């Protein structure tokens, strides 16, 4: 997964995220730095995902993420 994310972080994508615990996120950021991803690019990684960070139920998580994407995309257009 870090390899895929490293490519996404270098793209023009405006919403890049990976689900996981704080420990998993820290490990992911470490792996990305080992792949020579610049710290400014690693900061593009959104964590936690969605507007409701503690969402566990699938439907709530999906709505939370979609609402966050819509909010971010609106800022791109405005």
C-alpha atoms as a PDB file:
ATOM      1  CA  UNK A   1       0.000   0.000   0.000  1.00  0.00           C
ATOM      2  CA  UNK A   2       2.770   2.562   0.676  1.00  0.00           C
ATOM      3  CA  UNK A   3       3.907   2.311  -2.952  1.00  0.00           C
ATOM      4  CA  UNK A   4       0.416   3.042  -4.270  1.00  0.00           C
ATOM      5  CA  UNK A   5       0.016   5.928  -1.829  1.00  0.00           C
ATOM      6  CA  UNK A   6       3.410   7.355  -2.766  1.00  0.00           C
ATOM      7  CA  UNK A   7       2.223   7.628  -6.380  1.00  0.00           C
ATOM      8  CA  UNK A   8      -1.098   9.148  -5.302  1.00  0.00           C
ATOM      9  CA  UNK A   9       0.660  11.709  -3.101  1.00  0.00           C
ATOM     10  CA  UNK A  10       2.696  12.866  -6.093  1.00  0.00           C
ATOM     11  CA  UNK A  11      -0.421  13.234  -8.236  1.00  0.00           C
ATOM     12  CA  UNK A  12      -2.883  16.114  -8.467  1.00  0.00           C
ATOM     13  CA  UNK A  13      -5.461  14.207  -6.403  1.00  0.00           C
ATOM     14  CA  UNK A  14      -7.007  16.448  -3.764  1.00  0.00           C
ATOM     15  CA  UNK A  15      -8.249  13.760  -1.352  1.00  0.00           C
ATOM     16  CA  UNK A  16      -5.854  10.983  -0.381  1.00  0.00           C
ATOM     17  CA  UNK A  17      -6.387   8.921   2.735  1.00  0.00           C
ATOM     18  CA  UNK A  18      -5.734   5.553   4.310  1.00  0.00           C
ATOM     19  CA  UNK A  19      -7.837   4.017   7.032  1.00  0.00           C
ATOM     20  CA  UNK A  20      -6.140   2.678  10.136  1.00  0.00           C
ATOM     21  CA  UNK A  21      -5.232   3.214  13.756  1.00  0.00           C
ATOM     22  CA  UNK A  22      -2.831   5.922  14.897  1.00  0.00           C
ATOM     23  CA  UNK A  23      -0.093   3.295  15.108  1.00  0.00           C
ATOM     24  CA  UNK A  24      -0.865   2.142  11.551  1.00  0.00           C
ATOM     25  CA  UNK A  25      -0.799   5.768  10.330  1.00  0.00           C
ATOM     26  CA  UNK A  26       2.571   6.383  12.004  1.00  0.00           C
ATOM     27  CA  UNK A  27       3.943   3.208  10.436  1.00  0.00           C
ATOM     28  CA  UNK A  28       2.579   4.238   7.046  1.00  0.00           C
ATOM     29  CA  UNK A  29       4.200   7.670   7.270  1.00  0.00           C
ATOM     30  CA  UNK A  30       7.499   6.021   8.192  1.00  0.00           C
ATOM     31  CA  UNK A  31       7.226   3.663   5.203  1.00  0.00           C
ATOM     32  CA  UNK A  32       6.458   6.597   2.908  1.00  0.00           C
ATOM     33  CA  UNK A  33       9.555   8.423   4.153  1.00  0.00           C
ATOM     34  CA  UNK A  34      11.617   5.294   3.426  1.00  0.00           C
ATOM     35  CA  UNK A  35      10.251   5.488  -0.136  1.00  0.00           C
ATOM     36  CA  UNK A  36      11.719   9.029  -0.291  1.00  0.00           C
ATOM     37  CA  UNK A  37       8.317  10.744  -0.338  1.00  0.00           C
ATOM     38  CA  UNK A  38       8.892  14.361   0.672  1.00  0.00           C
ATOM     39  CA  UNK A  39       7.457  15.450   4.036  1.00  0.00           C
ATOM     40  CA  UNK A  40       5.310  18.104   2.290  1.00  0.00           C
ATOM     41  CA  UNK A  41       3.751  15.353   0.173  1.00  0.00           C
ATOM     42  CA  UNK A  42       3.223  13.045   3.157  1.00  0.00           C
ATOM     43  CA  UNK A  43       1.258  15.862   4.797  1.00  0.00           C
ATOM     44  CA  UNK A  44      -1.300  15.594   1.964  1.00  0.00           C
ATOM     45  CA  UNK A  45      -2.412  12.275   3.466  1.00  0.00           C
ATOM     46  CA  UNK A  46      -5.720  12.923   5.237  1.00  0.00           C
ATOM     47  CA  UNK A  47      -6.108  11.244   8.580  1.00  0.00           C
ATOM     48  CA  UNK A  48      -8.489  10.404  10.117  1.00  0.00           C
ATOM     49  CA  UNK A  49     -10.756   9.817   7.164  1.00  0.00           C
ATOM     50  CA  UNK A  50     -14.148  11.461   6.790  1.00  0.00           C
ATOM     51  CA  UNK A  51     -15.946  14.072   8.847  1.00  0.00           C
ATOM     52  CA  UNK A  52     -16.739  11.630  11.664  1.00  0.00           C
ATOM     53  CA  UNK A  53     -13.329  10.294  12.730  1.00  0.00           C
ATOM     54  CA  UNK A  54     -14.694   7.578  15.007  1.00  0.00           C
ATOM     55  CA  UNK A  55     -17.118   6.109  12.446  1.00  0.00           C
ATOM     56  CA  UNK A  56     -16.933   2.312  12.381  1.00  0.00           C
ATOM     57  CA  UNK A  57     -20.250   1.325  10.850  1.00  0.00           C
ATOM     58  CA  UNK A  58     -19.901   1.001   7.074  1.00  0.00           C
ATOM     59  CA  UNK A  59     -22.820   3.219   6.044  1.00  0.00           C
ATOM     60  CA  UNK A  60     -21.837   6.017   8.429  1.00  0.00           C
ATOM     61  CA  UNK A  61     -18.195   5.803   7.322  1.00  0.00           C
ATOM     62  CA  UNK A  62     -19.139   6.008   3.635  1.00  0.00           C
ATOM     63  CA  UNK A  63     -21.408   9.024   4.162  1.00  0.00           C
ATOM     64  CA  UNK A  64     -18.764  10.664   6.345  1.00  0.00           C
ATOM     65  CA  UNK A  65     -16.066  10.233   3.679  1.00  0.00           C
ATOM     66  CA  UNK A  66     -18.327  11.362   0.822  1.00  0.00           C
ATOM     67  CA  UNK A  67     -19.370  14.454   2.780  1.00  0.00           C
ATOM     68  CA  UNK A  68     -15.704  15.266   3.435  1.00  0.00           C
ATOM     69  CA  UNK A  69     -14.834  14.819  -0.254  1.00  0.00           C
ATOM     70  CA  UNK A  70     -17.733  17.071  -1.282  1.00  0.00           C
ATOM     71  CA  UNK A  71     -16.675  19.718   1.240  1.00  0.00           C
ATOM     72  CA  UNK A  72     -13.084  19.642  -0.037  1.00  0.00           C
ATOM     73  CA  UNK A  73     -14.147  19.706  -3.706  1.00  0.00           C
ATOM     74  CA  UNK A  74     -16.401  22.707  -3.060  1.00  0.00           C
ATOM     75  CA  UNK A  75     -13.354  24.576  -1.735  1.00  0.00           C
ATOM     76  CA  UNK A  76     -11.546  23.785  -4.992  1.00  0.00           C
ATOM     77  CA  UNK A  77     -14.332  25.296  -7.092  1.00  0.00           C
ATOM     78  CA  UNK A  78     -15.048  28.381  -4.982  1.00  0.00           C
END
